[in-house]
Amino acid sequence: MTAEELSKIIVKGMEEKKASDIVLMDLREITDSVSDFFVICSGQSDTQIEAISTSIEEEVYKKNKERPWRSEGKNSRQWVLVDYVDVVAHIFLKEKRAFYGLEELWGDAKITQIK
């Protein structure tokens, strides 16, 4: 499965749980980037953050029988990172997303607004 295909599955997992402000960041043209794609979204509550991250993992496993290489932030549920190496999903509470500003940090990336 390509990184682009995996990104689409991650977006589907986010949409299943009504994530907002979904953005796909293509990092492939950036030297020394940590991944090919970031998929970023926001949730309204810590419960929704958890549901979105679980949905992503379920959708990817259903389509590709793949588990994340790493997952972080599930205890605090304010910024959950689900890392599939080539594609990294970031699920934020709205205020945490604004604080960390990943879209600005990786401003050279090609950014596609999904929803």
PDB file of N, CA and C in Angstrom:
ATOM      1  N   MET A   1       0.843  -1.174   0.000  1.00  0.00           N
ATOM      2  CA  MET A   1       0.000   0.000   0.000  1.00  0.00           C
ATOM      3  C   MET A   1       0.892   1.243   0.000  1.00  0.00           C
ATOM      4  N   THR A   2       0.561   2.175  -0.859  1.00  0.00           N
ATOM      5  CA  THR A   2       1.352   3.402  -0.944  1.00  0.00           C
ATOM      6  C   THR A   2       0.988   4.344   0.211  1.00  0.00           C
ATOM      7  N   ALA A   3       1.842   5.309   0.440  1.00  0.00           N
ATOM      8  CA  ALA A   3       1.583   6.307   1.472  1.00  0.00           C
ATOM      9  C   ALA A   3       0.320   7.107   1.145  1.00  0.00           C
ATOM     10  N   GLU A   4       0.096   7.387  -0.141  1.00  0.00           N
ATOM     11  CA  GLU A   4      -1.113   8.120  -0.542  1.00  0.00           C
ATOM     12  C   GLU A   4      -2.375   7.319  -0.226  1.00  0.00           C
ATOM     13  N   GLU A   5      -2.357   6.029  -0.524  1.00  0.00           N
ATOM     14  CA  GLU A   5      -3.509   5.174  -0.230  1.00  0.00           C
ATOM     15  C   GLU A   5      -3.750   5.103   1.276  1.00  0.00           C
ATOM     16  N   LEU A   6      -2.679   4.966   2.042  1.00  0.00           N
ATOM     17  CA  LEU A   6      -2.793   4.920   3.494  1.00  0.00           C
ATOM     18  C   LEU A   6      -3.371   6.228   4.037  1.00  0.00           C
ATOM     19  N   SER A   7      -2.956   7.339   3.472  1.00  0.00           N
ATOM     20  CA  SER A   7      -3.486   8.650   3.882  1.00  0.00           C
ATOM     21  C   SER A   7      -4.999   8.708   3.705  1.00  0.00           C
ATOM     22  N   LYS A   8      -5.484   8.187   2.589  1.00  0.00           N
ATOM     23  CA  LYS A   8      -6.929   8.195   2.322  1.00  0.00           C
ATOM     24  C   LYS A   8      -7.692   7.352   3.340  1.00  0.00           C
ATOM     25  N   ILE A   9      -7.120   6.236   3.740  1.00  0.00           N
ATOM     26  CA  ILE A   9      -7.758   5.379   4.737  1.00  0.00           C
ATOM     27  C   ILE A   9      -7.786   6.091   6.090  1.00  0.00           C
ATOM     28  N   ILE A  10      -6.719   6.774   6.423  1.00  0.00           N
ATOM     29  CA  ILE A  10      -6.664   7.529   7.677  1.00  0.00           C
ATOM     30  C   ILE A  10      -7.718   8.638   7.671  1.00  0.00           C
ATOM     31  N   VAL A  11      -7.848   9.338   6.554  1.00  0.00           N
ATOM     32  CA  VAL A  11      -8.880  10.379   6.436  1.00  0.00           C
ATOM     33  C   VAL A  11     -10.260   9.764   6.653  1.00  0.00           C
ATOM     34  N   LYS A  12     -10.498   8.599   6.067  1.00  0.00           N
ATOM     35  CA  LYS A  12     -11.795   7.927   6.248  1.00  0.00           C
ATOM     36  C   LYS A  12     -12.047   7.633   7.722  1.00  0.00           C
ATOM     37  N   GLY A  13     -11.015   7.154   8.423  1.00  0.00           N
ATOM     38  CA  GLY A  13     -11.157   6.895   9.855  1.00  0.00           C
ATOM     39  C   GLY A  13     -11.502   8.145  10.636  1.00  0.00           C
ATOM     40  N   MET A  14     -10.911   9.266  10.232  1.00  0.00           N
ATOM     41  CA  MET A  14     -11.213  10.543  10.879  1.00  0.00           C
ATOM     42  C   MET A  14     -12.648  10.965  10.596  1.00  0.00           C
ATOM     43  N   GLU A  15     -13.057  10.845   9.349  1.00  0.00           N
ATOM     44  CA  GLU A  15     -14.412  11.251   8.956  1.00  0.00           C
ATOM     45  C   GLU A  15     -15.473  10.404   9.642  1.00  0.00           C
ATOM     46  N   GLU A  16     -15.175   9.131   9.876  1.00  0.00           N
ATOM     47  CA  GLU A  16     -16.136   8.229  10.536  1.00  0.00           C
ATOM     48  C   GLU A  16     -16.554   8.749  11.909  1.00  0.00           C
ATOM     49  N   LYS A  17     -15.648   9.470  12.568  1.00  0.00           N
ATOM     50  CA  LYS A  17     -15.934   9.982  13.912  1.00  0.00           C
ATOM     51  C   LYS A  17     -16.101  11.499  13.942  1.00  0.00           C
ATOM     52  N   LYS A  18     -16.467  12.061  12.780  1.00  0.00           N
ATOM     53  CA  LYS A  18     -16.813  13.488  12.665  1.00  0.00           C
ATOM     54  C   LYS A  18     -15.678  14.431  13.065  1.00  0.00           C
ATOM     55  N   ALA A  19     -14.444  14.076  12.721  1.00  0.00           N
ATOM     56  CA  ALA A  19     -13.320  14.982  12.945  1.00  0.00           C
ATOM     57  C   ALA A  19     -13.528  16.250  12.125  1.00  0.00           C
ATOM     58  N   SER A  20     -12.991  17.361  12.596  1.00  0.00           N
ATOM     59  CA  SER A  20     -13.126  18.614  11.867  1.00  0.00           C
ATOM     60  C   SER A  20     -11.756  19.108  11.408  1.00  0.00           C
ATOM     61  N   ASP A  21     -11.786  20.041  10.462  1.00  0.00           N
ATOM     62  CA  ASP A  21     -10.563  20.677   9.942  1.00  0.00           C
ATOM     63  C   ASP A  21      -9.503  19.655   9.537  1.00  0.00           C
ATOM     64  N   ILE A  22      -9.893  18.687   8.719  1.00  0.00           N
ATOM     65  CA  ILE A  22      -8.947  17.659   8.277  1.00  0.00           C
ATOM     66  C   ILE A  22      -8.051  18.234   7.182  1.00  0.00           C
ATOM     67  N   VAL A  23      -6.742  18.069   7.377  1.00  0.00           N
ATOM     68  CA  VAL A  23      -5.748  18.586   6.450  1.00  0.00           C
ATOM     69  C   VAL A  23      -4.760  17.476   6.112  1.00  0.00           C
ATOM     70  N   LEU A  24      -4.432  17.369   4.826  1.00  0.00           N
ATOM     71  CA  LEU A  24      -3.411  16.435   4.361  1.00  0.00           C
ATOM     72  C   LEU A  24      -2.184  17.253   3.972  1.00  0.00           C
ATOM     73  N   MET A  25      -1.061  16.940   4.594  1.00  0.00           N
ATOM     74  CA  MET A  25       0.185  17.647   4.299  1.00  0.00           C
ATOM     75  C   MET A  25       1.142  16.695   3.591  1.00  0.00           C
ATOM     76  N   ASP A  26       1.500  17.035   2.365  1.00  0.00           N
ATOM     77  CA  ASP A  26       2.443  16.242   1.575  1.00  0.00           C
ATOM     78  C   ASP A  26       3.851  16.754   1.858  1.00  0.00           C
ATOM     79  N   LEU A  27       4.651  15.938   2.526  1.00  0.00           N
ATOM     80  CA  LEU A  27       6.002  16.317   2.946  1.00  0.00           C
ATOM     81  C   LEU A  27       7.089  15.720   2.058  1.00  0.00           C
ATOM     82  N   ARG A  28       6.708  15.056   0.983  1.00  0.00           N
ATOM     83  CA  ARG A  28       7.688  14.317   0.174  1.00  0.00           C
ATOM     84  C   ARG A  28       8.745  15.198  -0.479  1.00  0.00           C
ATOM     85  N   GLU A  29       8.427  16.450  -0.752  1.00  0.00           N
ATOM     86  CA  GLU A  29       9.381  17.347  -1.403  1.00  0.00           C
ATOM     87  C   GLU A  29      10.272  18.095  -0.405  1.00  0.00           C
ATOM     88  N   ILE A  30      10.061  17.858   0.877  1.00  0.00           N
ATOM     89  CA  ILE A  30      10.822  18.561   1.908  1.00  0.00           C
ATOM     90  C   ILE A  30      12.020  17.707   2.320  1.00  0.00           C
ATOM     91  N   THR A  31      13.198  18.284   2.226  1.00  0.00           N
ATOM     92  CA  THR A  31      14.414  17.579   2.614  1.00  0.00           C
ATOM     93  C   THR A  31      14.377  17.258   4.101  1.00  0.00           C
ATOM     94  N   ASP A  32      14.763  16.053   4.437  1.00  0.00           N
ATOM     95  CA  ASP A  32      14.849  15.588   5.824  1.00  0.00           C
ATOM     96  C   ASP A  32      13.507  15.546   6.551  1.00  0.00           C
ATOM     97  N   SER A  33      12.426  15.408   5.824  1.00  0.00           N
ATOM     98  CA  SER A  33      11.131  15.297   6.502  1.00  0.00           C
ATOM     99  C   SER A  33      11.058  13.944   7.207  1.00  0.00           C
ATOM    100  N   VAL A  34      10.276  13.899   8.251  1.00  0.00           N
ATOM    101  CA  VAL A  34      10.181  12.703   9.074  1.00  0.00           C
ATOM    102  C   VAL A  34       9.216  11.660   8.506  1.00  0.00           C
ATOM    103  N   SER A  35       8.432  12.054   7.534  1.00  0.00           N
ATOM    104  CA  SER A  35       7.396  11.193   6.987  1.00  0.00           C
ATOM    105  C   SER A  35       7.014  11.698   5.601  1.00  0.00           C
ATOM    106  N   ASP A  36       6.259  10.903   4.847  1.00  0.00           N
ATOM    107  CA  ASP A  36       5.775  11.358   3.545  1.00  0.00           C
ATOM    108  C   ASP A  36       4.541  12.260   3.678  1.00  0.00           C
ATOM    109  N   PHE A  37       3.670  11.920   4.622  1.00  0.00           N
ATOM    110  CA  PHE A  37       2.433  12.673   4.814  1.00  0.00           C
ATOM    111  C   PHE A  37       2.130  12.832   6.293  1.00  0.00           C
ATOM    112  N   PHE A  38       1.561  13.975   6.642  1.00  0.00           N
ATOM    113  CA  PHE A  38       0.878  14.184   7.907  1.00  0.00           C
ATOM    114  C   PHE A  38      -0.593  14.335   7.566  1.00  0.00           C
ATOM    115  N   VAL A  39      -1.454  13.701   8.359  1.00  0.00           N
ATOM    116  CA  VAL A  39      -2.890  13.920   8.254  1.00  0.00           C
ATOM    117  C   VAL A  39      -3.303  14.479   9.615  1.00  0.00           C
ATOM    118  N   ILE A  40      -3.833  15.685   9.608  1.00  0.00           N
ATOM    119  CA  ILE A  40      -4.121  16.397  10.851  1.00  0.00           C
ATOM    120  C   ILE A  40      -5.621  16.678  10.935  1.00  0.00           C
ATOM    121  N   CYS A  41      -6.164  16.522  12.144  1.00  0.00           N
ATOM    122  CA  CYS A  41      -7.569  16.862  12.350  1.00  0.00           C
ATOM    123  C   CYS A  41      -7.760  17.372  13.769  1.00  0.00           C
ATOM    124  N   SER A  42      -8.959  17.883  14.007  1.00  0.00           N
ATOM    125  CA  SER A  42      -9.330  18.379  15.329  1.00  0.00           C
ATOM    126  C   SER A  42     -10.554  17.620  15.830  1.00  0.00           C
ATOM    127  N   GLY A  43     -10.639  17.526  17.151  1.00  0.00           N
ATOM    128  CA  GLY A  43     -11.801  16.954  17.808  1.00  0.00           C
ATOM    129  C   GLY A  43     -12.308  17.918  18.865  1.00  0.00           C
ATOM    130  N   GLN A  44     -13.541  17.740  19.273  1.00  0.00           N
ATOM    131  CA  GLN A  44     -14.187  18.659  20.218  1.00  0.00           C
ATOM    132  C   GLN A  44     -13.948  18.305  21.682  1.00  0.00           C
ATOM    133  N   SER A  45     -13.611  17.041  21.970  1.00  0.00           N
ATOM    134  CA  SER A  45     -13.448  16.610  23.361  1.00  0.00           C
ATOM    135  C   SER A  45     -12.417  15.492  23.429  1.00  0.00           C
ATOM    136  N   ASP A  46     -11.961  15.201  24.647  1.00  0.00           N
ATOM    137  CA  ASP A  46     -10.997  14.113  24.789  1.00  0.00           C
ATOM    138  C   ASP A  46     -11.621  12.770  24.409  1.00  0.00           C
ATOM    139  N   THR A  47     -12.915  12.632  24.622  1.00  0.00           N
ATOM    140  CA  THR A  47     -13.615  11.402  24.224  1.00  0.00           C
ATOM    141  C   THR A  47     -13.622  11.252  22.706  1.00  0.00           C
ATOM    142  N   GLN A  48     -13.874  12.343  21.982  1.00  0.00           N
ATOM    143  CA  GLN A  48     -13.861  12.283  20.524  1.00  0.00           C
ATOM    144  C   GLN A  48     -12.442  12.023  20.014  1.00  0.00           C
ATOM    145  N   ILE A  49     -11.431  12.619  20.644  1.00  0.00           N
ATOM    146  CA  ILE A  49     -10.038  12.385  20.250  1.00  0.00           C
ATOM    147  C   ILE A  49      -9.728  10.896  20.315  1.00  0.00           C
ATOM    148  N   GLU A  50     -10.124  10.274  21.405  1.00  0.00           N
ATOM    149  CA  GLU A  50      -9.899   8.833  21.566  1.00  0.00           C
ATOM    150  C   GLU A  50     -10.653   8.034  20.503  1.00  0.00           C
ATOM    151  N   ALA A  51     -11.896   8.397  20.239  1.00  0.00           N
ATOM    152  CA  ALA A  51     -12.703   7.693  19.242  1.00  0.00           C
ATOM    153  C   ALA A  51     -12.088   7.822  17.844  1.00  0.00           C
ATOM    154  N   ILE A  52     -11.580   8.996  17.503  1.00  0.00           N
ATOM    155  CA  ILE A  52     -10.954   9.199  16.190  1.00  0.00           C
ATOM    156  C   ILE A  52      -9.708   8.333  16.054  1.00  0.00           C
ATOM    157  N   SER A  53      -8.861   8.329  17.071  1.00  0.00           N
ATOM    158  CA  SER A  53      -7.629   7.535  16.981  1.00  0.00           C
ATOM    159  C   SER A  53      -7.944   6.045  16.867  1.00  0.00           C
ATOM    160  N   THR A  54      -8.943   5.578  17.600  1.00  0.00           N
ATOM    161  CA  THR A  54      -9.356   4.173  17.512  1.00  0.00           C
ATOM    162  C   THR A  54      -9.911   3.871  16.127  1.00  0.00           C
ATOM    163  N   SER A  55     -10.704   4.776  15.585  1.00  0.00           N
ATOM    164  CA  SER A  55     -11.277   4.595  14.251  1.00  0.00           C
ATOM    165  C   SER A  55     -10.191   4.497  13.180  1.00  0.00           C
ATOM    166  N   ILE A  56      -9.170   5.341  13.280  1.00  0.00           N
ATOM    167  CA  ILE A  56      -8.058   5.290  12.330  1.00  0.00           C
ATOM    168  C   ILE A  56      -7.403   3.916  12.370  1.00  0.00           C
ATOM    169  N   GLU A  57      -7.074   3.460  13.578  1.00  0.00           N
ATOM    170  CA  GLU A  57      -6.408   2.163  13.710  1.00  0.00           C
ATOM    171  C   GLU A  57      -7.269   1.029  13.175  1.00  0.00           C
ATOM    172  N   GLU A  58      -8.572   1.087  13.430  1.00  0.00           N
ATOM    173  CA  GLU A  58      -9.485   0.045  12.940  1.00  0.00           C
ATOM    174  C   GLU A  58      -9.579   0.052  11.419  1.00  0.00           C
ATOM    175  N   GLU A  59      -9.704   1.239  10.822  1.00  0.00           N
ATOM    176  CA  GLU A  59      -9.819   1.343   9.360  1.00  0.00           C
ATOM    177  C   GLU A  59      -8.545   0.834   8.670  1.00  0.00           C
ATOM    178  N   VAL A  60      -7.396   1.232   9.179  1.00  0.00           N
ATOM    179  CA  VAL A  60      -6.129   0.799   8.572  1.00  0.00           C
ATOM    180  C   VAL A  60      -5.971  -0.707   8.723  1.00  0.00           C
ATOM    181  N   TYR A  61      -6.300  -1.240   9.884  1.00  0.00           N
ATOM    182  CA  TYR A  61      -6.167  -2.686  10.086  1.00  0.00           C
ATOM    183  C   TYR A  61      -7.128  -3.457   9.180  1.00  0.00           C
ATOM    184  N   LYS A  62      -8.345  -2.940   9.034  1.00  0.00           N
ATOM    185  CA  LYS A  62      -9.353  -3.585   8.184  1.00  0.00           C
ATOM    186  C   LYS A  62      -8.886  -3.654   6.727  1.00  0.00           C
ATOM    187  N   LYS A  63      -8.273  -2.580   6.239  1.00  0.00           N
ATOM    188  CA  LYS A  63      -7.857  -2.522   4.831  1.00  0.00           C
ATOM    189  C   LYS A  63      -6.490  -3.126   4.567  1.00  0.00           C
ATOM    190  N   ASN A  64      -5.573  -3.052   5.555  1.00  0.00           N
ATOM    191  CA  ASN A  64      -4.177  -3.399   5.275  1.00  0.00           C
ATOM    192  C   ASN A  64      -3.554  -4.350   6.298  1.00  0.00           C
ATOM    193  N   LYS A  65      -4.311  -4.763   7.303  1.00  0.00           N
ATOM    194  CA  LYS A  65      -3.799  -5.639   8.359  1.00  0.00           C
ATOM    195  C   LYS A  65      -2.516  -5.083   8.970  1.00  0.00           C
ATOM    196  N   GLU A  66      -2.482  -3.765   9.122  1.00  0.00           N
ATOM    197  CA  GLU A  66      -1.299  -3.090   9.661  1.00  0.00           C
ATOM    198  C   GLU A  66      -1.659  -2.350  10.943  1.00  0.00           C
ATOM    199  N   ARG A  67      -0.806  -2.503  11.936  1.00  0.00           N
ATOM    200  CA  ARG A  67      -0.948  -1.761  13.185  1.00  0.00           C
ATOM    201  C   ARG A  67       0.044  -0.601  13.171  1.00  0.00           C
ATOM    202  N   PRO A  68      -0.227   0.453  13.937  1.00  0.00           N
ATOM    203  CA  PRO A  68       0.716   1.579  13.949  1.00  0.00           C
ATOM    204  C   PRO A  68       2.079   1.158  14.496  1.00  0.00           C
ATOM    205  N   TRP A  69       3.119   1.788  13.953  1.00  0.00           N
ATOM    206  CA  TRP A  69       4.462   1.554  14.455  1.00  0.00           C
ATOM    207  C   TRP A  69       4.560   2.114  15.868  1.00  0.00           C
ATOM    208  N   ARG A  70       3.896   3.239  16.070  1.00  0.00           N
ATOM    209  CA  ARG A  70       3.921   3.906  17.360  1.00  0.00           C
ATOM    210  C   ARG A  70       2.647   4.734  17.526  1.00  0.00           C
ATOM    211  N   SER A  71       2.211   4.847  18.758  1.00  0.00           N
ATOM    212  CA  SER A  71       1.056   5.676  19.067  1.00  0.00           C
ATOM    213  C   SER A  71       1.348   6.391  20.382  1.00  0.00           C
ATOM    214  N   GLU A  72       1.105   7.691  20.426  1.00  0.00           N
ATOM    215  CA  GLU A  72       1.409   8.476  21.623  1.00  0.00           C
ATOM    216  C   GLU A  72       0.265   9.421  21.957  1.00  0.00           C
ATOM    217  N   GLY A  73       0.146   9.751  23.222  1.00  0.00           N
ATOM    218  CA  GLY A  73      -0.808  10.757  23.664  1.00  0.00           C
ATOM    219  C   GLY A  73      -2.177  10.231  24.045  1.00  0.00           C
ATOM    220  N   LYS A  74      -2.354   8.918  24.047  1.00  0.00           N
ATOM    221  CA  LYS A  74      -3.683   8.380  24.335  1.00  0.00           C
ATOM    222  C   LYS A  74      -4.091   8.569  25.790  1.00  0.00           C
ATOM    223  N   ASN A  75      -3.125   8.745  26.674  1.00  0.00           N
ATOM    224  CA  ASN A  75      -3.474   8.973  28.079  1.00  0.00           C
ATOM    225  C   ASN A  75      -4.025  10.367  28.311  1.00  0.00           C
ATOM    226  N   SER A  76      -3.400  11.373  27.708  1.00  0.00           N
ATOM    227  CA  SER A  76      -3.860  12.754  27.913  1.00  0.00           C
ATOM    228  C   SER A  76      -5.004  13.121  26.977  1.00  0.00           C
ATOM    229  N   ARG A  77      -5.031  12.511  25.797  1.00  0.00           N
ATOM    230  CA  ARG A  77      -6.089  12.719  24.802  1.00  0.00           C
ATOM    231  C   ARG A  77      -6.278  14.189  24.428  1.00  0.00           C
ATOM    232  N   GLN A  78      -5.165  14.908  24.305  1.00  0.00           N
ATOM    233  CA  GLN A  78      -5.217  16.284  23.827  1.00  0.00           C
ATOM    234  C   GLN A  78      -4.532  16.401  22.476  1.00  0.00           C
ATOM    235  N   TRP A  79      -3.521  15.575  22.278  1.00  0.00           N
ATOM    236  CA  TRP A  79      -2.819  15.457  20.989  1.00  0.00           C
ATOM    237  C   TRP A  79      -2.402  14.004  20.874  1.00  0.00           C
ATOM    238  N   VAL A  80      -3.090  13.267  20.049  1.00  0.00           N
ATOM    239  CA  VAL A  80      -2.765  11.858  19.836  1.00  0.00           C
ATOM    240  C   VAL A  80      -2.081  11.730  18.486  1.00  0.00           C
ATOM    241  N   LEU A  81      -0.969  11.041  18.494  1.00  0.00           N
ATOM    242  CA  LEU A  81      -0.185  10.805  17.289  1.00  0.00           C
ATOM    243  C   LEU A  81      -0.258   9.312  16.978  1.00  0.00           C
ATOM    244  N   VAL A  82      -0.656   8.971  15.756  1.00  0.00           N
ATOM    245  CA  VAL A  82      -0.701   7.586  15.310  1.00  0.00           C
ATOM    246  C   VAL A  82       0.257   7.477  14.132  1.00  0.00           C
ATOM    247  N   ASP A  83       1.368   6.786  14.346  1.00  0.00           N
ATOM    248  CA  ASP A  83       2.491   6.783  13.416  1.00  0.00           C
ATOM    249  C   ASP A  83       2.559   5.474  12.625  1.00  0.00           C
ATOM    250  N   TYR A  84       2.372   5.597  11.311  1.00  0.00           N
ATOM    251  CA  TYR A  84       2.532   4.464  10.400  1.00  0.00           C
ATOM    252  C   TYR A  84       3.808   4.614   9.573  1.00  0.00           C
ATOM    253  N   VAL A  85       4.775   5.346  10.063  1.00  0.00           N
ATOM    254  CA  VAL A  85       6.083   5.646   9.479  1.00  0.00           C
ATOM    255  C   VAL A  85       5.964   6.571   8.275  1.00  0.00           C
ATOM    256  N   ASP A  86       5.412   6.095   7.153  1.00  0.00           N
ATOM    257  CA  ASP A  86       5.280   6.943   5.968  1.00  0.00           C
ATOM    258  C   ASP A  86       4.150   7.963   6.099  1.00  0.00           C
ATOM    259  N   VAL A  87       3.194   7.666   6.958  1.00  0.00           N
ATOM    260  CA  VAL A  87       2.068   8.569   7.202  1.00  0.00           C
ATOM    261  C   VAL A  87       1.851   8.665   8.714  1.00  0.00           C
ATOM    262  N   VAL A  88       1.759   9.896   9.194  1.00  0.00           N
ATOM    263  CA  VAL A  88       1.535  10.122  10.617  1.00  0.00           C
ATOM    264  C   VAL A  88       0.239  10.911  10.784  1.00  0.00           C
ATOM    265  N   ALA A  89      -0.668  10.365  11.590  1.00  0.00           N
ATOM    266  CA  ALA A  89      -1.927  11.045  11.890  1.00  0.00           C
ATOM    267  C   ALA A  89      -1.767  11.819  13.194  1.00  0.00           C
ATOM    268  N   HIS A  90      -2.234  13.065  13.189  1.00  0.00           N
ATOM    269  CA  HIS A  90      -2.226  13.919  14.375  1.00  0.00           C
ATOM    270  C   HIS A  90      -3.664  14.298  14.678  1.00  0.00           C
ATOM    271  N   ILE A  91      -4.129  13.947  15.883  1.00  0.00           N
ATOM    272  CA  ILE A  91      -5.490  14.269  16.290  1.00  0.00           C
ATOM    273  C   ILE A  91      -5.393  15.218  17.481  1.00  0.00           C
ATOM    274  N   PHE A  92      -5.905  16.433  17.324  1.00  0.00           N
ATOM    275  CA  PHE A  92      -5.753  17.482  18.326  1.00  0.00           C
ATOM    276  C   PHE A  92      -7.089  17.934  18.886  1.00  0.00           C
ATOM    277  N   LEU A  93      -7.075  18.363  20.153  1.00  0.00           N
ATOM    278  CA  LEU A  93      -8.117  19.262  20.621  1.00  0.00           C
ATOM    279  C   LEU A  93      -7.855  20.590  19.928  1.00  0.00           C
ATOM    280  N   LYS A  94      -8.889  21.332  19.591  1.00  0.00           N
ATOM    281  CA  LYS A  94      -8.735  22.564  18.803  1.00  0.00           C
ATOM    282  C   LYS A  94      -7.691  23.525  19.378  1.00  0.00           C
ATOM    283  N   GLU A  95      -7.748  23.775  20.679  1.00  0.00           N
ATOM    284  CA  GLU A  95      -6.813  24.744  21.263  1.00  0.00           C
ATOM    285  C   GLU A  95      -5.372  24.244  21.245  1.00  0.00           C
ATOM    286  N   LYS A  96      -5.162  22.961  21.366  1.00  0.00           N
ATOM    287  CA  LYS A  96      -3.805  22.404  21.299  1.00  0.00           C
ATOM    288  C   LYS A  96      -3.267  22.491  19.873  1.00  0.00           C
ATOM    289  N   ARG A  97      -4.129  22.287  18.904  1.00  0.00           N
ATOM    290  CA  ARG A  97      -3.698  22.386  17.508  1.00  0.00           C
ATOM    291  C   ARG A  97      -3.216  23.801  17.191  1.00  0.00           C
ATOM    292  N   ALA A  98      -3.953  24.783  17.656  1.00  0.00           N
ATOM    293  CA  ALA A  98      -3.555  26.178  17.428  1.00  0.00           C
ATOM    294  C   ALA A  98      -2.235  26.477  18.135  1.00  0.00           C
ATOM    295  N   PHE A  99      -2.061  25.937  19.330  1.00  0.00           N
ATOM    296  CA  PHE A  99      -0.851  26.182  20.107  1.00  0.00           C
ATOM    297  C   PHE A  99       0.385  25.617  19.411  1.00  0.00           C
ATOM    298  N   TYR A 100       0.314  24.376  18.923  1.00  0.00           N
ATOM    299  CA  TYR A 100       1.476  23.727  18.325  1.00  0.00           C
ATOM    300  C   TYR A 100       1.710  24.121  16.867  1.00  0.00           C
ATOM    301  N   GLY A 101       0.679  24.467  16.143  1.00  0.00           N
ATOM    302  CA  GLY A 101       0.805  25.018  14.796  1.00  0.00           C
ATOM    303  C   GLY A 101       1.621  24.193  13.811  1.00  0.00           C
ATOM    304  N   LEU A 102       1.323  22.913  13.695  1.00  0.00           N
ATOM    305  CA  LEU A 102       2.089  22.059  12.766  1.00  0.00           C
ATOM    306  C   LEU A 102       2.028  22.551  11.328  1.00  0.00           C
ATOM    307  N   GLU A 103       0.876  23.082  10.931  1.00  0.00           N
ATOM    308  CA  GLU A 103       0.760  23.572   9.556  1.00  0.00           C
ATOM    309  C   GLU A 103       1.755  24.696   9.282  1.00  0.00           C
ATOM    310  N   GLU A 104       2.001  25.514  10.277  1.00  0.00           N
ATOM    311  CA  GLU A 104       2.972  26.601  10.112  1.00  0.00           C
ATOM    312  C   GLU A 104       4.414  26.082  10.189  1.00  0.00           C
ATOM    313  N   LEU A 105       4.652  25.136  11.100  1.00  0.00           N
ATOM    314  CA  LEU A 105       6.001  24.569  11.237  1.00  0.00           C
ATOM    315  C   LEU A 105       6.472  23.899   9.951  1.00  0.00           C
ATOM    316  N   TRP A 106       5.552  23.230   9.289  1.00  0.00           N
ATOM    317  CA  TRP A 106       5.867  22.532   8.038  1.00  0.00           C
ATOM    318  C   TRP A 106       5.267  23.320   6.871  1.00  0.00           C
ATOM    319  N   GLY A 107       5.445  24.613   6.878  1.00  0.00           N
ATOM    320  CA  GLY A 107       4.834  25.514   5.893  1.00  0.00           C
ATOM    321  C   GLY A 107       5.235  25.264   4.457  1.00  0.00           C
ATOM    322  N   ASP A 108       6.357  24.566   4.217  1.00  0.00           N
ATOM    323  CA  ASP A 108       6.786  24.254   2.851  1.00  0.00           C
ATOM    324  C   ASP A 108       6.043  23.084   2.250  1.00  0.00           C
ATOM    325  N   ALA A 109       5.266  22.384   3.070  1.00  0.00           N
ATOM    326  CA  ALA A 109       4.519  21.221   2.583  1.00  0.00           C
ATOM    327  C   ALA A 109       3.359  21.650   1.690  1.00  0.00           C
ATOM    328  N   LYS A 110       2.981  20.747   0.793  1.00  0.00           N
ATOM    329  CA  LYS A 110       1.781  20.964  -0.001  1.00  0.00           C
ATOM    330  C   LYS A 110       0.602  20.585   0.877  1.00  0.00           C
ATOM    331  N   ILE A 111      -0.273  21.548   1.144  1.00  0.00           N
ATOM    332  CA  ILE A 111      -1.381  21.332   2.083  1.00  0.00           C
ATOM    333  C   ILE A 111      -2.697  21.256   1.319  1.00  0.00           C
ATOM    334  N   THR A 112      -3.448  20.190   1.595  1.00  0.00           N
ATOM    335  CA  THR A 112      -4.753  20.000   0.994  1.00  0.00           C
ATOM    336  C   THR A 112      -5.789  19.969   2.118  1.00  0.00           C
ATOM    337  N   GLN A 113      -6.744  20.883   2.055  1.00  0.00           N
ATOM    338  CA  GLN A 113      -7.837  20.922   3.022  1.00  0.00           C
ATOM    339  C   GLN A 113      -8.863  19.857   2.615  1.00  0.00           C
ATOM    340  N   ILE A 114      -9.121  18.925   3.492  1.00  0.00           N
ATOM    341  CA  ILE A 114     -10.071  17.847   3.176  1.00  0.00           C
ATOM    342  C   ILE A 114     -11.481  18.236   3.596  1.00  0.00           C
ATOM    343  N   LYS A 115     -11.610  18.728   4.797  1.00  0.00           N
ATOM    344  CA  LYS A 115     -12.946  19.006   5.339  1.00  0.00           C
ATOM    345  C   LYS A 115     -12.862  20.085   6.378  1.00  0.00           C
TER     346      LYS A 115
END
